[in-house]
Protein backbone atom coordinates (compact mmCIF):
# COMPACT_ATOMS: atom_id res chain seq x y z
CA MET A 1 0.00 0.00 0.00
CA SER A 2 1.41 3.36 -0.94
CA VAL A 3 1.80 6.30 1.35
CA VAL A 4 -1.37 8.34 1.42
CA ASP A 5 -2.16 11.88 2.40
CA ASP A 6 -3.61 12.95 5.74
CA SER A 7 -7.12 13.64 4.55
CA PRO A 8 -9.92 12.54 6.86
CA GLU A 9 -10.25 9.04 5.39
CA THR A 10 -6.77 7.68 4.71
CA VAL A 11 -7.43 3.97 5.06
CA GLY A 12 -6.60 1.51 2.32
CA SER A 13 -8.56 -1.29 0.71
CA ALA A 14 -10.46 -3.85 2.78
CA PRO A 15 -7.78 -6.61 2.51
CA ASP A 16 -5.04 -4.14 3.48
CA ARG A 17 -7.09 -2.86 6.41
CA ARG A 18 -7.79 -6.35 7.71
CA ARG A 19 -4.10 -7.26 7.52
CA GLU A 20 -3.05 -4.16 9.44
CA GLN A 21 -5.86 -4.48 11.96
CA ARG A 22 -4.95 -8.10 12.73
CA GLY A 23 -1.39 -6.96 13.38
CA TRP A 24 -2.42 -3.85 15.32
CA VAL A 25 -4.32 -5.71 18.05
CA TRP A 26 -1.18 -7.68 18.91
CA TYR A 27 0.42 -4.58 20.38
CA ASP A 28 -2.29 -4.49 23.04
CA TRP A 29 -1.32 -8.10 23.79
CA ALA A 30 2.38 -7.12 23.87
CA ASN A 31 2.37 -3.94 25.98
CA SER A 32 -0.35 -4.75 28.53
CA VAL A 33 2.10 -6.89 30.47
CA PHE A 34 3.86 -3.70 31.63
CA PRO A 35 0.95 -2.02 33.49
CA THR A 36 -0.36 -5.36 34.78
CA SER A 37 2.73 -7.29 35.87
CA VAL A 38 5.31 -4.55 36.36
CA ILE A 39 3.22 -1.71 37.77
CA THR A 40 0.27 -3.40 39.47
CA VAL A 41 1.82 -6.57 40.89
CA PHE A 42 5.59 -7.02 41.03
CA GLY A 43 7.10 -3.55 40.75
CA ALA A 44 5.66 -2.20 43.99
CA LEU A 45 6.46 -5.35 45.98
CA TYR A 46 10.01 -5.85 44.76
CA LEU A 47 11.35 -2.29 44.59
CA THR A 48 9.89 -1.53 48.02
CA ALA A 49 11.60 -4.62 49.44
CA VAL A 50 14.94 -3.69 47.84
CA ALA A 51 14.67 -0.15 49.21
CA GLY A 52 13.87 -1.60 52.64
CA ASP A 53 16.99 -3.79 52.49
CA ALA A 54 19.03 -0.70 51.60
CA ALA A 55 17.60 1.19 54.59
CA LYS A 56 18.33 -1.71 56.94
CA ALA A 57 21.86 -2.01 55.60
CA ASP A 58 22.33 1.72 56.17
CA ARG A 59 21.04 1.31 59.73
CA ALA A 60 23.50 -1.49 60.38
CA THR A 61 26.35 0.75 59.17
CA ASN A 62 25.34 4.15 60.51
CA GLY A 63 23.45 3.36 63.70
CA PRO A 64 19.77 3.37 64.67
CA ASN A 65 18.71 5.90 62.11
CA PRO A 66 17.10 5.89 59.62
CA CYS A 67 15.50 2.48 60.40
CA PRO A 68 14.77 2.48 64.16
CA ALA A 69 14.42 -0.63 66.28
CA ASP A 70 11.07 -1.59 67.74
CA GLY A 71 10.34 -2.87 71.21
CA ASN A 72 11.15 -6.45 70.25
CA GLY A 73 14.65 -5.66 69.05
CA GLY A 74 13.76 -5.93 65.39
CA THR A 75 12.83 -3.17 62.97
CA ASN A 76 9.56 -1.43 62.38
CA LYS A 77 7.68 -1.64 59.09
CA LEU A 78 9.29 -0.16 56.01
CA VAL A 79 7.32 3.03 56.54
CA ASP A 80 9.78 3.75 59.37
CA CYS A 81 12.91 2.85 57.37
CA GLN A 82 14.45 5.74 55.51
CA ILE A 83 16.56 5.86 52.36
CA ASP A 84 18.69 8.70 51.10
CA VAL A 85 18.24 10.56 47.80
CA PHE A 86 20.65 13.45 47.16
CA GLY A 87 20.86 14.08 50.88
CA LEU A 88 17.08 13.93 51.41
CA HIS A 89 15.59 11.17 53.54
CA PHE A 90 12.21 9.53 52.99
CA GLN A 91 10.58 6.25 53.99
CA ALA A 92 11.42 3.15 51.98
CA GLY A 93 7.74 2.20 52.11
CA SER A 94 6.90 5.43 50.27
CA LEU A 95 9.34 4.83 47.40
CA TRP A 96 6.77 3.32 45.04
CA GLY A 97 4.27 6.16 45.50
CA TYR A 98 6.91 8.80 44.88
CA LEU A 99 8.26 6.86 41.91
CA LEU A 100 4.84 6.62 40.25
CA ALA A 101 4.31 10.36 40.75
CA PHE A 102 7.74 11.27 39.37
CA ALA A 103 7.39 8.91 36.40
CA THR A 104 4.05 10.55 35.58
CA VAL A 105 5.64 14.01 35.63
CA ILE A 106 8.37 12.80 33.26
CA GLN A 107 5.71 11.38 30.93
CA VAL A 108 3.83 14.69 30.96
CA LEU A 109 7.00 16.45 29.81
CA ILE A 110 8.10 13.94 27.16
CA VAL A 111 5.15 12.03 25.68
CA PRO A 112 3.25 15.00 24.13
CA LEU A 113 6.44 16.09 22.36
CA MET A 114 6.98 12.56 21.07
CA GLY A 115 3.39 12.57 19.82
CA ALA A 116 3.98 15.83 17.96
CA ILE A 117 7.13 14.42 16.36
CA ALA A 118 5.23 11.27 15.38
CA ASP A 119 2.61 13.36 13.61
CA ARG A 120 5.33 15.14 11.61
CA THR A 121 7.31 12.09 10.58
CA GLN A 122 6.62 9.70 7.75
CA ASN A 123 8.04 6.75 9.70
CA LYS A 124 5.64 6.51 12.62
CA LYS A 125 6.22 2.75 12.68
CA ARG A 126 9.92 3.28 13.43
CA MET A 127 9.03 5.49 16.41
CA LEU A 128 6.71 2.76 17.67
CA ALA A 129 9.55 0.23 17.38
CA VAL A 130 12.10 2.41 19.18
CA SER A 131 9.78 3.28 22.07
CA ALA A 132 8.44 -0.28 22.44
CA PHE A 133 11.81 -2.03 22.30
CA GLY A 134 13.32 0.65 24.54
CA GLY A 135 10.63 0.14 27.16
CA ALA A 136 10.86 -3.65 26.87
CA THR A 137 14.65 -3.57 27.28
CA ALA A 138 14.39 -1.41 30.42
CA THR A 139 11.79 -3.82 31.81
CA LEU A 140 13.97 -6.83 31.07
CA LEU A 141 16.96 -5.18 32.75
CA MET A 142 14.92 -4.69 35.92
CA SER A 143 15.61 -8.38 36.51
CA LEU A 144 19.20 -7.34 37.35
CA VAL A 145 18.08 -5.19 40.29
CA ALA A 146 19.17 -7.01 43.43
CA GLY A 147 20.54 -6.50 46.93
CA THR A 148 20.21 -2.85 47.92
CA ASN A 149 20.48 -1.31 44.45
CA TRP A 150 17.01 0.27 44.32
CA GLN A 151 18.41 3.27 42.41
CA LEU A 152 18.95 1.11 39.31
CA GLY A 153 15.37 -0.12 39.59
CA VAL A 154 14.08 3.45 39.73
CA ILE A 155 16.01 4.51 36.61
CA LEU A 156 14.94 1.45 34.64
CA PHE A 157 11.29 1.79 35.68
CA ILE A 158 11.22 5.44 34.55
CA LEU A 159 12.74 4.48 31.19
CA GLY A 160 10.25 1.64 30.83
CA ASN A 161 7.40 3.97 31.69
CA ILE A 162 8.52 6.50 29.05
CA GLY A 163 8.76 3.74 26.45
CA TYR A 164 5.33 2.44 27.38
CA GLY A 165 3.64 5.88 27.34
CA THR A 166 5.23 6.95 24.06
CA SER A 167 4.52 3.67 22.28
CA VAL A 168 0.89 3.64 23.40
CA VAL A 169 0.04 7.09 22.02
CA ILE A 170 1.72 6.25 18.69
CA TYR A 171 -0.12 2.93 18.64
CA TYR A 172 -3.47 4.63 19.30
CA SER A 173 -2.79 7.13 16.54
CA PHE A 174 -2.82 4.33 13.95
CA ILE A 175 -6.57 3.75 14.50
CA PRO A 176 -7.83 6.40 12.03
CA GLU A 177 -5.25 5.26 9.48
CA ILE A 178 -6.18 1.57 9.43
CA ALA A 179 -9.94 1.57 10.16
CA THR A 180 -12.96 3.29 8.68
CA ALA A 181 -15.32 5.20 10.94
CA ASP A 182 -17.60 2.16 11.25
CA GLU A 183 -14.72 -0.23 12.02
CA ARG A 184 -13.07 1.63 14.87
CA ASP A 185 -15.26 0.50 17.77
CA GLY A 186 -14.83 -3.15 16.88
CA LEU A 187 -11.10 -2.75 16.34
CA SER A 188 -10.52 -0.94 19.62
CA THR A 189 -12.57 -3.38 21.70
CA ARG A 190 -10.82 -6.37 20.10
CA GLY A 191 -7.45 -4.84 20.88
CA TRP A 192 -8.38 -4.03 24.47
CA ALA A 193 -9.85 -7.50 25.02
CA PHE A 194 -6.78 -9.10 23.46
CA GLY A 195 -4.59 -7.04 25.79
CA TYR A 196 -6.37 -8.35 28.88
CA LEU A 197 -6.10 -11.91 27.60
CA GLY A 198 -2.37 -11.56 26.92
CA SER A 199 -1.50 -9.83 30.18
CA GLY A 200 -3.67 -12.30 32.08
CA LEU A 201 -1.84 -15.25 30.54
CA ALA A 202 1.58 -13.72 31.27
CA LEU A 203 0.54 -12.87 34.82
CA LEU A 204 -0.74 -16.41 35.35
CA ILE A 205 2.67 -17.82 34.39
CA GLN A 206 4.43 -15.33 36.66
CA LEU A 207 2.14 -16.00 39.61
CA VAL A 208 2.66 -19.75 39.27
CA VAL A 209 6.42 -19.15 39.57
CA TYR A 210 5.84 -16.74 42.48
CA THR A 211 3.48 -19.08 44.33
CA PHE A 212 5.68 -22.17 43.98
CA HIS A 213 9.05 -20.44 44.26
CA ASP A 214 10.10 -22.63 47.20
CA SER A 215 9.50 -25.79 45.20
CA LEU A 216 11.52 -24.32 42.34
CA GLY A 217 14.43 -23.45 44.62
CA LEU A 218 13.82 -19.70 44.30
CA THR A 219 13.31 -16.85 46.71
CA GLU A 220 10.42 -14.40 46.43
CA GLY A 221 12.91 -11.88 45.05
CA ASN A 222 14.06 -14.33 42.38
CA SER A 223 10.47 -14.93 41.26
CA ALA A 224 9.93 -11.17 40.91
CA GLN A 225 13.12 -10.89 38.85
CA ILE A 226 11.88 -13.69 36.59
CA ALA A 227 8.60 -11.78 36.22
CA PHE A 228 10.50 -8.70 35.00
CA LEU A 229 12.56 -10.82 32.61
CA LEU A 230 9.48 -12.52 31.17
CA SER A 231 7.62 -9.20 30.88
CA GLY A 232 10.42 -7.59 28.88
CA ILE A 233 10.78 -10.57 26.54
CA TRP A 234 7.00 -10.84 26.13
CA TRP A 235 6.66 -7.14 25.28
CA ALA A 236 9.50 -7.16 22.75
CA ALA A 237 8.68 -10.49 21.10
CA PHE A 238 5.00 -9.80 20.44
CA THR A 239 5.78 -6.26 19.23
CA LEU A 240 7.35 -7.86 16.17
CA ILE A 241 3.90 -8.87 14.90
CA PRO A 242 2.37 -5.36 14.57
CA LEU A 243 5.65 -4.02 13.21
CA ARG A 244 5.45 -6.55 10.36
CA ARG A 245 1.81 -5.73 9.59
CA LEU A 246 1.52 -1.96 10.08
CA ARG A 247 2.56 0.50 7.38
CA ASN A 248 3.39 4.19 7.29
CA HIS A 249 0.48 6.25 6.01
CA GLN A 250 1.18 9.91 6.62
CA ARG A 251 3.27 12.25 4.53
CA PRO A 252 6.02 14.03 6.49
CA HIS A 253 5.47 17.73 7.11
CA GLY A 254 8.90 18.58 5.82
CA PRO A 255 12.42 17.24 5.17
CA GLU A 256 13.52 17.44 8.80
CA HIS A 257 16.48 15.64 10.31
CA GLY A 258 18.33 15.71 13.61
CA ALA A 259 17.70 18.77 15.77
CA SER A 260 15.22 20.17 13.24
CA VAL A 261 12.89 17.25 14.02
CA LEU A 262 12.86 18.27 17.68
CA ARG A 263 12.24 21.94 16.83
CA GLY A 264 9.49 20.92 14.44
CA GLY A 265 7.93 18.79 17.15
CA PHE A 266 7.85 21.73 19.55
CA ARG A 267 6.24 23.93 16.89
CA GLU A 268 3.70 21.24 16.06
CA LEU A 269 2.79 20.78 19.72
CA GLY A 270 2.49 24.52 20.26
CA ASN A 271 0.17 24.90 17.28
CA THR A 272 -1.99 22.00 18.44
CA ILE A 273 -2.41 23.50 21.90
CA LYS A 274 -3.39 26.85 20.39
CA LEU A 275 -5.86 25.31 17.96
CA ALA A 276 -7.40 22.92 20.49
CA ARG A 277 -9.78 25.69 21.59
CA ALA A 278 -11.29 25.58 18.11
CA TYR A 279 -12.70 22.14 18.95
CA PRO A 280 -14.58 22.66 22.23
CA LEU A 281 -16.75 19.57 21.73
CA THR A 282 -13.66 17.37 21.50
CA LEU A 283 -12.44 18.92 24.74
CA ALA A 284 -15.88 18.36 26.28
CA PHE A 285 -15.66 14.64 25.57
CA LEU A 286 -12.08 14.54 26.84
CA GLY A 287 -13.10 16.23 30.09
CA THR A 288 -15.96 13.76 30.53
CA TYR A 289 -13.66 10.83 29.88
CA LEU A 290 -11.10 12.07 32.40
CA ILE A 291 -13.78 12.09 35.10
CA TYR A 292 -15.09 8.56 34.70
CA THR A 293 -11.71 7.01 33.85
CA ASP A 294 -10.40 8.36 37.16
CA GLY A 295 -13.16 6.39 38.85
CA ILE A 296 -12.25 3.27 36.85
CA ALA A 297 -8.55 3.54 37.70
CA THR A 298 -9.29 4.15 41.37
CA VAL A 299 -11.52 1.08 41.63
CA ALA A 300 -8.82 -1.03 39.99
CA ASN A 301 -6.13 0.33 42.32
CA VAL A 302 -8.01 0.12 45.64
CA SER A 303 -9.86 -3.17 45.14
CA ALA A 304 -7.05 -5.21 46.69
CA GLN A 305 -6.88 -2.85 49.67
CA TYR A 306 -10.66 -3.05 50.11
CA GLY A 307 -10.54 -6.84 49.98
CA SER A 308 -7.63 -7.07 52.40
CA GLU A 309 -8.43 -4.38 54.97
CA GLU A 310 -12.23 -4.25 54.97
CA LEU A 311 -13.20 -7.78 53.91
CA ASN A 312 -10.29 -9.62 55.61
CA LEU A 313 -9.46 -11.72 52.57
CA ASP A 314 -6.04 -13.38 52.31
CA GLN A 315 -3.40 -12.90 49.64
CA THR A 316 -4.37 -16.02 47.69
CA VAL A 317 -7.91 -14.73 47.23
CA LEU A 318 -6.64 -11.34 46.06
CA ILE A 319 -4.26 -12.93 43.53
CA THR A 320 -7.10 -15.10 42.21
CA THR A 321 -9.25 -11.99 41.93
CA ILE A 322 -6.66 -10.26 39.75
CA LEU A 323 -6.73 -13.19 37.34
CA ILE A 324 -10.54 -13.27 37.31
CA VAL A 325 -10.63 -9.59 36.36
CA GLN A 326 -8.07 -10.09 33.57
CA PHE A 327 -9.87 -12.95 31.86
CA VAL A 328 -13.43 -11.66 32.36
CA ALA A 329 -12.26 -8.31 30.92
CA PHE A 330 -11.47 -10.13 27.67
CA VAL A 331 -15.10 -11.27 27.43
CA GLY A 332 -16.32 -7.83 28.48
CA GLY A 333 -14.25 -6.09 25.83
CA MET A 334 -15.58 -8.30 23.05
CA LEU A 335 -19.15 -7.90 24.37
CA HIS A 336 -18.83 -4.10 24.31
CA GLY A 337 -17.79 -4.29 20.67
CA LEU A 338 -20.87 -6.33 19.77
CA VAL A 339 -23.22 -3.97 21.63
CA ALA A 340 -21.59 -0.90 20.06
CA ARG A 341 -22.17 -2.39 16.61
CA ARG A 342 -25.92 -2.19 17.29
CA LEU A 343 -26.24 0.83 19.58
CA GLY A 344 -23.15 2.92 18.82
CA ALA A 345 -20.19 3.82 21.01
CA LYS A 346 -21.79 6.66 22.98
CA ARG A 347 -24.87 4.67 24.07
CA THR A 348 -22.76 1.64 24.93
CA ILE A 349 -20.41 3.73 27.07
CA MET A 350 -23.42 5.15 28.91
CA ILE A 351 -24.78 1.64 29.54
CA SER A 352 -21.34 0.61 30.78
CA LEU A 353 -21.19 3.56 33.19
CA ALA A 354 -24.63 2.59 34.52
CA VAL A 355 -23.31 -0.93 35.16
CA TRP A 356 -20.34 0.59 36.98
CA LEU A 357 -22.79 2.37 39.29
CA VAL A 358 -24.47 -0.95 40.11
CA VAL A 359 -21.17 -2.79 40.64
CA ILE A 360 -19.70 -0.15 42.97
CA SER A 361 -22.95 0.02 44.93
CA ALA A 362 -22.83 -3.79 45.29
CA ALA A 363 -19.26 -3.57 46.63
CA TYR A 364 -20.58 -1.73 49.68
CA PHE A 365 -22.67 -4.76 50.67
CA VAL A 366 -20.07 -7.52 50.19
CA GLN A 367 -19.71 -9.27 53.54
CA ALA A 368 -16.35 -9.71 55.25
CA GLY A 369 -14.72 -13.08 54.57
CA GLN A 370 -17.12 -13.96 51.74
CA GLU A 371 -14.80 -15.01 48.96
CA VAL A 372 -17.53 -15.95 46.47
CA GLN A 373 -19.18 -12.54 46.81
CA PHE A 374 -15.82 -10.86 46.19
CA PHE A 375 -15.18 -13.07 43.13
CA LEU A 376 -18.59 -12.11 41.73
CA LEU A 377 -17.78 -8.46 42.33
CA ALA A 378 -14.47 -8.93 40.48
CA ALA A 379 -16.33 -10.53 37.57
CA GLY A 380 -18.67 -7.53 37.42
CA ILE A 381 -15.71 -5.14 37.37
CA GLY A 382 -13.97 -7.17 34.67
CA LEU A 383 -17.11 -7.15 32.53
CA VAL A 384 -17.03 -3.35 32.16
CA LEU A 385 -13.37 -2.59 32.89
CA GLY A 386 -11.92 -3.09 29.42
CA GLY A 387 -14.94 -2.23 27.30
CA THR A 388 -15.51 1.24 28.74
CA ASN A 389 -11.95 2.33 28.02
CA ALA A 390 -11.82 0.58 24.64
CA LEU A 391 -14.90 2.38 23.30
CA SER A 392 -13.67 5.66 24.76
CA ARG A 393 -10.45 5.18 22.80
CA SER A 394 -12.25 4.52 19.52
CA LEU A 395 -14.75 7.32 20.03
CA PHE A 396 -11.97 9.80 20.78
CA SER A 397 -10.25 8.79 17.53
CA GLN A 398 -13.37 10.07 15.72
CA LEU A 399 -13.05 13.47 17.43
CA VAL A 400 -9.40 14.15 16.58
CA PRO A 401 -8.46 16.54 13.74
CA PRO A 402 -6.82 14.60 10.87
CA GLY A 403 -3.03 14.60 11.03
CA LYS A 404 -3.00 15.36 14.78
CA GLU A 405 -3.76 11.86 16.06
CA ALA A 406 -0.60 11.19 18.08
CA GLN A 407 -0.66 14.62 19.71
CA TYR A 408 -4.28 14.38 20.77
CA PHE A 409 -3.81 10.85 22.05
CA SER A 410 -0.80 12.03 24.05
CA ILE A 411 -3.06 14.64 25.66
CA TYR A 412 -5.63 11.87 26.17
CA GLU A 413 -3.09 9.66 27.97
CA ILE A 414 -1.35 12.41 29.92
CA GLY A 415 -4.67 13.95 30.96
CA GLU A 416 -5.69 10.58 32.35
CA ARG A 417 -2.54 10.45 34.49
CA ALA A 418 -2.66 14.10 35.49
CA THR A 419 -6.17 13.74 36.95
CA SER A 420 -5.67 10.28 38.45
CA TRP A 421 -5.14 11.74 41.93
CA MET A 422 -8.79 12.75 42.44
CA GLY A 423 -10.23 9.28 43.00
CA PRO A 424 -7.55 8.04 45.42
CA LEU A 425 -7.76 11.34 47.30
CA LEU A 426 -11.53 11.02 47.73
CA PHE A 427 -11.21 7.36 48.75
CA ALA A 428 -8.52 8.13 51.33
CA ALA A 429 -10.33 11.20 52.68
CA VAL A 430 -13.64 9.36 53.18
CA ALA A 431 -11.90 6.34 54.73
CA GLY A 432 -10.01 8.61 57.10
CA ALA A 433 -13.11 10.58 58.07
CA THR A 434 -15.32 7.54 58.67
CA GLY A 435 -12.80 4.93 59.79
CA SER A 436 -14.20 2.45 57.24
CA TYR A 437 -13.52 1.54 53.64
CA ARG A 438 -17.21 0.87 52.90
CA PRO A 439 -18.28 4.51 52.63
CA ALA A 440 -14.97 5.17 50.85
CA ILE A 441 -15.76 2.65 48.11
CA ILE A 442 -19.35 3.86 47.69
CA SER A 443 -18.11 7.46 47.38
CA LEU A 444 -16.53 6.54 44.03
CA VAL A 445 -19.97 6.32 42.38
CA VAL A 446 -19.79 10.10 41.98
CA PHE A 447 -17.24 9.72 39.15
CA PHE A 448 -19.48 7.35 37.21
CA PHE A 449 -22.67 9.31 37.86
CA VAL A 450 -21.13 12.63 36.77
CA GLY A 451 -19.50 10.93 33.77
CA LEU A 452 -22.82 9.38 32.74
CA VAL A 453 -24.68 12.69 32.97
CA LEU A 454 -22.01 14.62 31.06
CA MET A 455 -21.76 11.93 28.39
CA PHE A 456 -25.50 12.27 27.78
CA PHE A 457 -25.03 15.96 26.92
CA VAL A 458 -21.90 15.61 24.74
CA PRO A 459 -23.06 16.03 21.09
CA VAL A 460 -20.71 13.43 19.65
CA ARG A 461 -22.00 13.61 16.08
CA ARG A 462 -21.55 17.40 15.98
CA ALA A 463 -18.06 16.96 17.44
CA ILE A 464 -17.12 14.57 14.62
CA GLN A 465 -18.48 16.98 12.03
CA ALA A 466 -16.58 19.87 13.62
CA VAL A 467 -13.18 18.23 13.09
CA GLY A 468 -14.08 17.14 9.55
CA ASN A 469 -14.04 13.37 10.04
CA PRO A 470 -16.52 10.99 8.34
CA GLU A 471 -19.40 9.93 10.57
CA PRO A 472 -20.04 6.28 11.45
CA ALA A 473 -23.41 4.91 10.46
CA ILE A 474 -24.30 4.13 14.09
CA LEU A 475 -23.12 6.42 16.86
């Protein structure tokens, strides 16, 4: 297929589209292992433990501080053990929270610029390869973090996070180039569902190693290192499939090389920010999405804490729950695609948000120690977890001005991270004020209720017309 211009409908023939679409969904399968295995499960546990070992080693060398002894002659929890960063001391137990915040700030500074450069270059596929393989390599090298060397883990995680964020926005930006307006919902939901299936399978393998590490002659730390190694190899290996199938579609904006590419990227990004006000309906949808996706992310992040602290469920139950969510989310993603084919993306998202309201309300009534009830709750979350985000992704692709896909998707991704503090803050504040996680979990319905109401009033069809994109038959 030859390079085409960046007019609103730049997709090729049906056979070419199907070939690229089949390859495209594999990148969801490839990259989802990073947020699931590295961020959600093993990164926090392992890097916190390594930082704690460093603090304890420092205590053994330099005296009782910064890891004081408790009344039994041992050491307090890691929250009391301090590590040193450029002369500043903070608790080892807080390392992961600070690291996530810092990595997000770095993404905010870098990813939008990378998106602008991607929109200017003819070889978007090469940028996808560099960012994906770079992130996968950093993830693989995290398996070398051992002993007290938490600093290496921090650097590698930040590099992996940059690679993940950059590759995802470039990957998203391919949607308008390989799918017609009527194909995007199905493509996005298939990709999202495929991602949950892939990350669930990888996580299952890693958790088997983690659970039976004693039988395999490994320590818990060794099993986490193997998880990082497998995640990096998984990410890199399956990235080869979309790279073989995807093609470059967009003409470059100019013959730029070296430093001129960077300057051009800054100019492109600046122009996009200035012109964004010309598309208020696109911004209206983006604002609505940022509200309800914050609720979704918060539920995903606090579910384990709710199960452990409020429902008194053990670690085995929580691990099983993670796997249930992953595999049910595959079914939910595919189901959302089928419903959207009949009702359109906007209506399906609204139905999904209504289901979220029911699920979160049900979480309030789950009884302590009732594993089956918690598993059913996890299944309900999985049913809507992937589909809501997948349809939001495809719908947003309809609202983006042609030729600006990577930049707008970088704003989409960065906006999601920049507002992700609201849900956890509300959850923590309500839990602190009431002394219970039950009112804290029910407080999260506000994000889904407000998102549902605002989505009702967003004129999606007018927004698509405003940016000059073709309208899908069903919306």
